[in-house]
PDB file of all heavy atoms in Angstrom:
ATOM      1  N   LEU A   1      79.526  94.537 -71.087  1.00  0.00           N
ATOM      2  CA  LEU A   1      79.091  94.084 -72.413  1.00  0.00           C
ATOM      3  C   LEU A   1      80.126  93.154 -73.037  1.00  0.00           C
ATOM      4  O   LEU A   1      79.765  92.162 -73.678  1.00  0.00           O
ATOM      5  CB  LEU A   1      78.802  95.282 -73.321  1.00  0.00           C
ATOM      6  CG  LEU A   1      77.529  96.038 -72.964  1.00  0.00           C
ATOM      7  CD1 LEU A   1      77.463  97.374 -73.701  1.00  0.00           C
ATOM      8  CD2 LEU A   1      76.293  95.201 -73.261  1.00  0.00           C
ATOM      9  N   HIS A   2      81.406  93.421 -72.817  1.00  0.00           N
ATOM     10  CA  HIS A   2      82.450  92.495 -73.297  1.00  0.00           C
ATOM     11  C   HIS A   2      82.300  91.144 -72.601  1.00  0.00           C
ATOM     12  O   HIS A   2      82.456  90.089 -73.229  1.00  0.00           O
ATOM     13  CB  HIS A   2      83.844  93.060 -73.050  1.00  0.00           C
ATOM     14  CG  HIS A   2      84.299  94.005 -74.100  1.00  0.00           C
ATOM     15  ND1 HIS A   2      84.623  93.608 -75.381  1.00  0.00           N
ATOM     16  CD2 HIS A   2      84.493  95.344 -74.064  1.00  0.00           C
ATOM     17  CE1 HIS A   2      84.987  94.655 -76.088  1.00  0.00           C
ATOM     18  NE2 HIS A   2      84.911  95.732 -75.313  1.00  0.00           N
ATOM     19  N   LEU A   3      81.993  91.172 -71.299  1.00  0.00           N
ATOM     20  CA  LEU A   3      81.768  89.923 -70.577  1.00  0.00           C
ATOM     21  C   LEU A   3      80.578  89.174 -71.161  1.00  0.00           C
ATOM     22  O   LEU A   3      80.647  87.966 -71.399  1.00  0.00           O
ATOM     23  CB  LEU A   3      81.543  90.213 -69.087  1.00  0.00           C
ATOM     24  CG  LEU A   3      81.212  89.013 -68.205  1.00  0.00           C
ATOM     25  CD1 LEU A   3      82.351  87.996 -68.211  1.00  0.00           C
ATOM     26  CD2 LEU A   3      80.889  89.474 -66.788  1.00  0.00           C
ATOM     27  N   ALA A   4      79.495  89.885 -71.427  1.00  0.00           N
ATOM     28  CA  ALA A   4      78.303  89.251 -71.997  1.00  0.00           C
ATOM     29  C   ALA A   4      78.611  88.618 -73.354  1.00  0.00           C
ATOM     30  O   ALA A   4      78.192  87.496 -73.634  1.00  0.00           O
ATOM     31  CB  ALA A   4      77.177  90.270 -72.127  1.00  0.00           C
ATOM     32  N   VAL A   5      79.354  89.328 -74.186  1.00  0.00           N
ATOM     33  CA  VAL A   5      79.728  88.784 -75.497  1.00  0.00           C
ATOM     34  C   VAL A   5      80.580  87.533 -75.313  1.00  0.00           C
ATOM     35  O   VAL A   5      80.366  86.510 -75.973  1.00  0.00           O
ATOM     36  CB  VAL A   5      80.466  89.849 -76.343  1.00  0.00           C
ATOM     37  CG1 VAL A   5      81.109  89.228 -77.567  1.00  0.00           C
ATOM     38  CG2 VAL A   5      79.512  90.971 -76.735  1.00  0.00           C
ATOM     39  N   SER A   6      81.545  87.589 -74.404  1.00  0.00           N
ATOM     40  CA  SER A   6      82.434  86.442 -74.173  1.00  0.00           C
ATOM     41  C   SER A   6      81.662  85.223 -73.677  1.00  0.00           C
ATOM     42  O   SER A   6      81.949  84.094 -74.075  1.00  0.00           O
ATOM     43  CB  SER A   6      83.519  86.808 -73.168  1.00  0.00           C
ATOM     44  OG  SER A   6      84.364  87.799 -73.687  1.00  0.00           O
ATOM     45  N   LEU A   7      80.693  85.453 -72.799  1.00  0.00           N
ATOM     46  CA  LEU A   7      79.933  84.337 -72.245  1.00  0.00           C
ATOM     47  C   LEU A   7      78.877  83.809 -73.200  1.00  0.00           C
ATOM     48  O   LEU A   7      78.401  82.681 -73.054  1.00  0.00           O
ATOM     49  CB  LEU A   7      79.272  84.760 -70.926  1.00  0.00           C
ATOM     50  CG  LEU A   7      80.223  84.984 -69.760  1.00  0.00           C
ATOM     51  CD1 LEU A   7      79.481  85.584 -68.578  1.00  0.00           C
ATOM     52  CD2 LEU A   7      80.913  83.685 -69.372  1.00  0.00           C
ATOM     53  N   THR A   8      78.497  84.596 -74.182  1.00  0.00           N
ATOM     54  CA  THR A   8      77.459  84.196 -75.123  1.00  0.00           C
ATOM     55  C   THR A   8      78.018  83.394 -76.288  1.00  0.00           C
ATOM     56  O   THR A   8      77.325  82.584 -76.895  1.00  0.00           O
ATOM     57  CB  THR A   8      76.702  85.446 -75.629  1.00  0.00           C
ATOM     58  OG1 THR A   8      76.171  86.129 -74.492  1.00  0.00           O
ATOM     59  CG2 THR A   8      75.572  85.101 -76.560  1.00  0.00           C
ATOM     60  N   ARG A   9      79.278  83.597 -76.590  1.00  0.00           N
ATOM     61  CA  ARG A   9      79.904  82.836 -77.687  1.00  0.00           C
ATOM     62  C   ARG A   9      79.967  81.357 -77.347  1.00  0.00           C
ATOM     63  O   ARG A   9      79.968  80.965 -76.197  1.00  0.00           O
ATOM     64  CB  ARG A   9      81.314  83.363 -77.931  1.00  0.00           C
ATOM     65  CG  ARG A   9      81.329  84.710 -78.578  1.00  0.00           C
ATOM     66  CD  ARG A   9      82.720  85.031 -79.102  1.00  0.00           C
ATOM     67  NE  ARG A   9      82.655  86.274 -79.842  1.00  0.00           N
ATOM     68  CZ  ARG A   9      83.372  87.348 -79.558  1.00  0.00           C
ATOM     69  NH1 ARG A   9      84.229  87.321 -78.567  1.00  0.00           N
ATOM     70  NH2 ARG A   9      83.249  88.437 -80.276  1.00  0.00           N
ATOM     71  N   THR A  10      80.062  80.553 -78.392  1.00  0.00           N
ATOM     72  CA  THR A  10      80.233  79.116 -78.217  1.00  0.00           C
ATOM     73  C   THR A  10      81.530  78.706 -78.883  1.00  0.00           C
ATOM     74  O   THR A  10      81.671  78.921 -80.082  1.00  0.00           O
ATOM     75  CB  THR A  10      79.050  78.348 -78.844  1.00  0.00           C
ATOM     76  OG1 THR A  10      77.845  78.811 -78.227  1.00  0.00           O
ATOM     77  CG2 THR A  10      79.195  76.869 -78.653  1.00  0.00           C
ATOM     78  N   PRO A  11      82.492  78.176 -78.164  1.00  0.00           N
ATOM     79  CA  PRO A  11      82.475  78.000 -76.714  1.00  0.00           C
ATOM     80  C   PRO A  11      82.706  79.335 -76.002  1.00  0.00           C
ATOM     81  O   PRO A  11      83.352  80.232 -76.550  1.00  0.00           O
ATOM     82  CB  PRO A  11      83.627  77.037 -76.462  1.00  0.00           C
ATOM     83  CG  PRO A  11      84.589  77.294 -77.573  1.00  0.00           C
ATOM     84  CD  PRO A  11      83.740  77.686 -78.757  1.00  0.00           C
ATOM     85  N   SER A  12      82.172  79.443 -74.800  1.00  0.00           N
ATOM     86  CA  SER A  12      82.360  80.673 -74.036  1.00  0.00           C
ATOM     87  C   SER A  12      83.763  80.703 -73.452  1.00  0.00           C
ATOM     88  O   SER A  12      84.329  79.665 -73.114  1.00  0.00           O
ATOM     89  CB  SER A  12      81.316  80.779 -72.927  1.00  0.00           C
ATOM     90  OG  SER A  12      81.444  79.706 -72.026  1.00  0.00           O
ATOM     91  N   ASP A  13      84.320  81.895 -73.371  1.00  0.00           N
ATOM     92  CA  ASP A  13      85.672  82.044 -72.834  1.00  0.00           C
ATOM     93  C   ASP A  13      85.850  83.485 -72.372  1.00  0.00           C
ATOM     94  O   ASP A  13      85.604  84.416 -73.136  1.00  0.00           O
ATOM     95  CB  ASP A  13      86.717  81.698 -73.900  1.00  0.00           C
ATOM     96  CG  ASP A  13      88.126  81.811 -73.358  1.00  0.00           C
ATOM     97  OD1 ASP A  13      88.359  81.388 -72.208  1.00  0.00           O
ATOM     98  OD2 ASP A  13      88.987  82.339 -74.071  1.00  0.00           O
ATOM     99  N   VAL A  14      86.258  83.650 -71.140  1.00  0.00           N
ATOM    100  CA  VAL A  14      86.588  84.972 -70.612  1.00  0.00           C
ATOM    101  C   VAL A  14      88.101  85.000 -70.454  1.00  0.00           C
ATOM    102  O   VAL A  14      88.662  84.304 -69.607  1.00  0.00           O
ATOM    103  CB  VAL A  14      85.886  85.233 -69.262  1.00  0.00           C
ATOM    104  CG1 VAL A  14      86.274  86.592 -68.706  1.00  0.00           C
ATOM    105  CG2 VAL A  14      84.384  85.122 -69.424  1.00  0.00           C
ATOM    106  N   CYS A  15      88.753  85.792 -71.305  1.00  0.00           N
ATOM    107  CA  CYS A  15      90.212  85.822 -71.285  1.00  0.00           C
ATOM    108  C   CYS A  15      90.724  86.482 -69.992  1.00  0.00           C
ATOM    109  O   CYS A  15      89.999  87.237 -69.328  1.00  0.00           O
ATOM    110  CB  CYS A  15      90.755  86.550 -72.516  1.00  0.00           C
ATOM    111  SG  CYS A  15      90.412  88.325 -72.546  1.00  0.00           S
ATOM    112  N   ASP A  16      91.964  86.181 -69.649  1.00  0.00           N
ATOM    113  CA  ASP A  16      92.569  86.708 -68.424  1.00  0.00           C
ATOM    114  C   ASP A  16      92.591  88.232 -68.407  1.00  0.00           C
ATOM    115  O   ASP A  16      92.397  88.847 -67.356  1.00  0.00           O
ATOM    116  CB  ASP A  16      93.995  86.169 -68.262  1.00  0.00           C
ATOM    117  CG  ASP A  16      94.016  84.673 -67.989  1.00  0.00           C
ATOM    118  OD1 ASP A  16      92.977  84.136 -67.539  1.00  0.00           O
ATOM    119  OD2 ASP A  16      95.060  84.052 -68.225  1.00  0.00           O
ATOM    120  N   GLU A  17      92.834  88.848 -69.554  1.00  0.00           N
ATOM    121  CA  GLU A  17      92.888  90.303 -69.627  1.00  0.00           C
ATOM    122  C   GLU A  17      91.534  90.928 -69.264  1.00  0.00           C
ATOM    123  O   GLU A  17      91.466  91.869 -68.468  1.00  0.00           O
ATOM    124  CB  GLU A  17      93.313  90.749 -71.023  1.00  0.00           C
ATOM    125  CG  GLU A  17      93.426  92.245 -71.167  1.00  0.00           C
ATOM    126  CD  GLU A  17      93.813  92.661 -72.577  1.00  0.00           C
ATOM    127  OE1 GLU A  17      94.172  91.807 -73.408  1.00  0.00           O
ATOM    128  OE2 GLU A  17      93.747  93.869 -72.837  1.00  0.00           O
ATOM    129  N   LEU A  18      90.462  90.403 -69.836  1.00  0.00           N
ATOM    130  CA  LEU A  18      89.128  90.919 -69.531  1.00  0.00           C
ATOM    131  C   LEU A  18      88.797  90.685 -68.061  1.00  0.00           C
ATOM    132  O   LEU A  18      88.313  91.585 -67.367  1.00  0.00           O
ATOM    133  CB  LEU A  18      88.066  90.268 -70.422  1.00  0.00           C
ATOM    134  CG  LEU A  18      86.613  90.628 -70.116  1.00  0.00           C
ATOM    135  CD1 LEU A  18      86.381  92.133 -70.187  1.00  0.00           C
ATOM    136  CD2 LEU A  18      85.674  89.885 -71.061  1.00  0.00           C
ATOM    137  N   TYR A  19      89.081  89.499 -67.564  1.00  0.00           N
ATOM    138  CA  TYR A  19      88.793  89.197 -66.167  1.00  0.00           C
ATOM    139  C   TYR A  19      89.577  90.129 -65.240  1.00  0.00           C
ATOM    140  O   TYR A  19      89.033  90.630 -64.242  1.00  0.00           O
ATOM    141  CB  TYR A  19      89.123  87.735 -65.857  1.00  0.00           C
ATOM    142  CG  TYR A  19      88.752  87.346 -64.453  1.00  0.00           C
ATOM    143  CD1 TYR A  19      87.425  87.175 -64.092  1.00  0.00           C
ATOM    144  CD2 TYR A  19      89.727  87.165 -63.479  1.00  0.00           C
ATOM    145  CE1 TYR A  19      87.073  86.826 -62.797  1.00  0.00           C
ATOM    146  CE2 TYR A  19      89.390  86.820 -62.185  1.00  0.00           C
ATOM    147  CZ  TYR A  19      88.067  86.660 -61.854  1.00  0.00           C
ATOM    148  OH  TYR A  19      87.719  86.331 -60.565  1.00  0.00           O
ATOM    149  N   GLY A  20      90.823  90.406 -65.582  1.00  0.00           N
ATOM    150  CA  GLY A  20      91.635  91.327 -64.780  1.00  0.00           C
ATOM    151  C   GLY A  20      91.050  92.728 -64.737  1.00  0.00           C
ATOM    152  O   GLY A  20      91.021  93.370 -63.681  1.00  0.00           O
ATOM    153  N   GLU A  21      90.570  93.207 -65.886  1.00  0.00           N
ATOM    154  CA  GLU A  21      89.948  94.537 -65.943  1.00  0.00           C
ATOM    155  C   GLU A  21      88.649  94.562 -65.144  1.00  0.00           C
ATOM    156  O   GLU A  21      88.343  95.539 -64.455  1.00  0.00           O
ATOM    157  CB  GLU A  21      89.690  94.955 -67.388  1.00  0.00           C
ATOM    158  CG  GLU A  21      90.955  95.305 -68.158  1.00  0.00           C
ATOM    159  CD  GLU A  21      91.716  96.465 -67.528  1.00  0.00           C
ATOM    160  OE1 GLU A  21      91.080  97.482 -67.167  1.00  0.00           O
ATOM    161  OE2 GLU A  21      92.939  96.346 -67.372  1.00  0.00           O
ATOM    162  N   LEU A  22      87.872  93.499 -65.236  1.00  0.00           N
ATOM    163  CA  LEU A  22      86.631  93.409 -64.464  1.00  0.00           C
ATOM    164  C   LEU A  22      86.925  93.415 -62.965  1.00  0.00           C
ATOM    165  O   LEU A  22      86.237  94.094 -62.196  1.00  0.00           O
ATOM    166  CB  LEU A  22      85.864  92.144 -64.847  1.00  0.00           C
ATOM    167  CG  LEU A  22      85.197  92.155 -66.216  1.00  0.00           C
ATOM    168  CD1 LEU A  22      84.872  90.742 -66.673  1.00  0.00           C
ATOM    169  CD2 LEU A  22      83.943  93.015 -66.202  1.00  0.00           C
ATOM    170  N   ARG A  23      87.970  92.695 -62.542  1.00  0.00           N
ATOM    171  CA  ARG A  23      88.337  92.638 -61.118  1.00  0.00           C
ATOM    172  C   ARG A  23      88.793  93.990 -60.583  1.00  0.00           C
ATOM    173  O   ARG A  23      88.634  94.276 -59.404  1.00  0.00           O
ATOM    174  CB  ARG A  23      89.458  91.619 -60.888  1.00  0.00           C
ATOM    175  CG  ARG A  23      89.068  90.170 -60.966  1.00  0.00           C
ATOM    176  CD  ARG A  23      88.013  89.773 -59.941  1.00  0.00           C
ATOM    177  NE  ARG A  23      88.340  90.151 -58.594  1.00  0.00           N
ATOM    178  CZ  ARG A  23      88.618  89.324 -57.607  1.00  0.00           C
ATOM    179  NH1 ARG A  23      88.634  88.041 -57.838  1.00  0.00           N
ATOM    180  NH2 ARG A  23      88.866  89.763 -56.404  1.00  0.00           N
ATOM    181  N   LYS A  24      89.345  94.825 -61.452  1.00  0.00           N
ATOM    182  CA  LYS A  24      89.770  96.162 -61.026  1.00  0.00           C
ATOM    183  C   LYS A  24      88.570  97.063 -60.715  1.00  0.00           C
ATOM    184  O   LYS A  24      88.670  97.971 -59.899  1.00  0.00           O
ATOM    185  CB  LYS A  24      90.606  96.839 -62.114  1.00  0.00           C
ATOM    186  CG  LYS A  24      91.977  96.253 -62.301  1.00  0.00           C
ATOM    187  CD  LYS A  24      92.683  96.976 -63.434  1.00  0.00           C
ATOM    188  CE  LYS A  24      94.001  96.312 -63.773  1.00  0.00           C
ATOM    189  NZ  LYS A  24      94.644  96.941 -64.947  1.00  0.00           N
ATOM    190  N   ARG A  25      87.455  96.831 -61.370  1.00  0.00           N
ATOM    191  CA  ARG A  25      86.299  97.732 -61.266  1.00  0.00           C
ATOM    192  C   ARG A  25      85.128  97.174 -60.470  1.00  0.00           C
ATOM    193  O   ARG A  25      84.264  97.921 -60.050  1.00  0.00           O
ATOM    194  CB  ARG A  25      85.812  98.095 -62.659  1.00  0.00           C
ATOM    195  CG  ARG A  25      86.933  98.662 -63.484  1.00  0.00           C
ATOM    196  CD  ARG A  25      86.481  99.739 -64.328  1.00  0.00           C
ATOM    197  NE  ARG A  25      87.605 100.158 -65.171  1.00  0.00           N
ATOM    198  CZ  ARG A  25      87.612 101.236 -65.841  1.00  0.00           C
ATOM    199  NH1 ARG A  25      86.578 102.031 -65.800  1.00  0.00           N
ATOM    200  NH2 ARG A  25      88.646 101.565 -66.575  1.00  0.00           N
ATOM    201  N   PHE A  26      85.076  95.844 -60.308  1.00  0.00           N
ATOM    202  CA  PHE A  26      83.934  95.232 -59.637  1.00  0.00           C
ATOM    203  C   PHE A  26      84.414  94.299 -58.529  1.00  0.00           C
ATOM    204  O   PHE A  26      85.435  93.628 -58.676  1.00  0.00           O
ATOM    205  CB  PHE A  26      83.082  94.427 -60.629  1.00  0.00           C
ATOM    206  CG  PHE A  26      82.486  95.251 -61.728  1.00  0.00           C
ATOM    207  CD1 PHE A  26      83.090  95.308 -62.982  1.00  0.00           C
ATOM    208  CD2 PHE A  26      81.323  95.981 -61.524  1.00  0.00           C
ATOM    209  CE1 PHE A  26      82.549  96.077 -63.997  1.00  0.00           C
ATOM    210  CE2 PHE A  26      80.775  96.757 -62.533  1.00  0.00           C
ATOM    211  CZ  PHE A  26      81.381  96.803 -63.774  1.00  0.00           C
ATOM    212  N   SER A  27      83.643  94.223 -57.471  1.00  0.00           N
ATOM    213  CA  SER A  27      83.947  93.285 -56.388  1.00  0.00           C
ATOM    214  C   SER A  27      83.657  91.864 -56.870  1.00  0.00           C
ATOM    215  O   SER A  27      82.960  91.659 -57.873  1.00  0.00           O
ATOM    216  CB  SER A  27      83.084  93.598 -55.165  1.00  0.00           C
ATOM    217  OG  SER A  27      81.717  93.317 -55.450  1.00  0.00           O
ATOM    218  N   GLU A  28      84.163  90.894 -56.123  1.00  0.00           N
ATOM    219  CA  GLU A  28      83.898  89.499 -56.469  1.00  0.00           C
ATOM    220  C   GLU A  28      82.399  89.221 -56.409  1.00  0.00           C
ATOM    221  O   GLU A  28      81.845  88.538 -57.275  1.00  0.00           O
ATOM    222  CB  GLU A  28      84.646  88.563 -55.521  1.00  0.00           C
ATOM    223  CG  GLU A  28      84.505  87.106 -55.887  1.00  0.00           C
ATOM    224  CD  GLU A  28      85.381  86.200 -55.051  1.00  0.00           C
ATOM    225  OE1 GLU A  28      86.166  86.701 -54.226  1.00  0.00           O
ATOM    226  OE2 GLU A  28      85.268  84.977 -55.233  1.00  0.00           O
ATOM    227  N   ARG A  29      81.734  89.785 -55.428  1.00  0.00           N
ATOM    228  CA  ARG A  29      80.290  89.612 -55.287  1.00  0.00           C
ATOM    229  C   ARG A  29      79.543  90.169 -56.505  1.00  0.00           C
ATOM    230  O   ARG A  29      78.626  89.536 -57.028  1.00  0.00           O
ATOM    231  CB  ARG A  29      79.827  90.303 -54.013  1.00  0.00           C
ATOM    232  CG  ARG A  29      78.391  90.110 -53.708  1.00  0.00           C
ATOM    233  CD  ARG A  29      78.022  90.797 -52.408  1.00  0.00           C
ATOM    234  NE  ARG A  29      76.693  90.425 -52.032  1.00  0.00           N
ATOM    235  CZ  ARG A  29      76.278  90.269 -50.808  1.00  0.00           C
ATOM    236  NH1 ARG A  29      77.110  90.472 -49.816  1.00  0.00           N
ATOM    237  NH2 ARG A  29      75.037  89.924 -50.567  1.00  0.00           N
ATOM    238  N   ALA A  30      79.948  91.353 -56.962  1.00  0.00           N
ATOM    239  CA  ALA A  30      79.311  91.964 -58.133  1.00  0.00           C
ATOM    240  C   ALA A  30      79.565  91.119 -59.379  1.00  0.00           C
ATOM    241  O   ALA A  30      78.666  90.951 -60.213  1.00  0.00           O
ATOM    242  CB  ALA A  30      79.812  93.387 -58.332  1.00  0.00           C
TER     243      ALA A  30
END
C-alpha cells in the first residue's frame, strides 16, 4: 500500500528506504 501511494502521487517517487524494505520481502519478479 505504501508502494501504491508512492506510485500514485504526482510526481511519483519510490524512496530508497521503501524499495529496500520491499526487496527484503518480495522477489524481483513479484
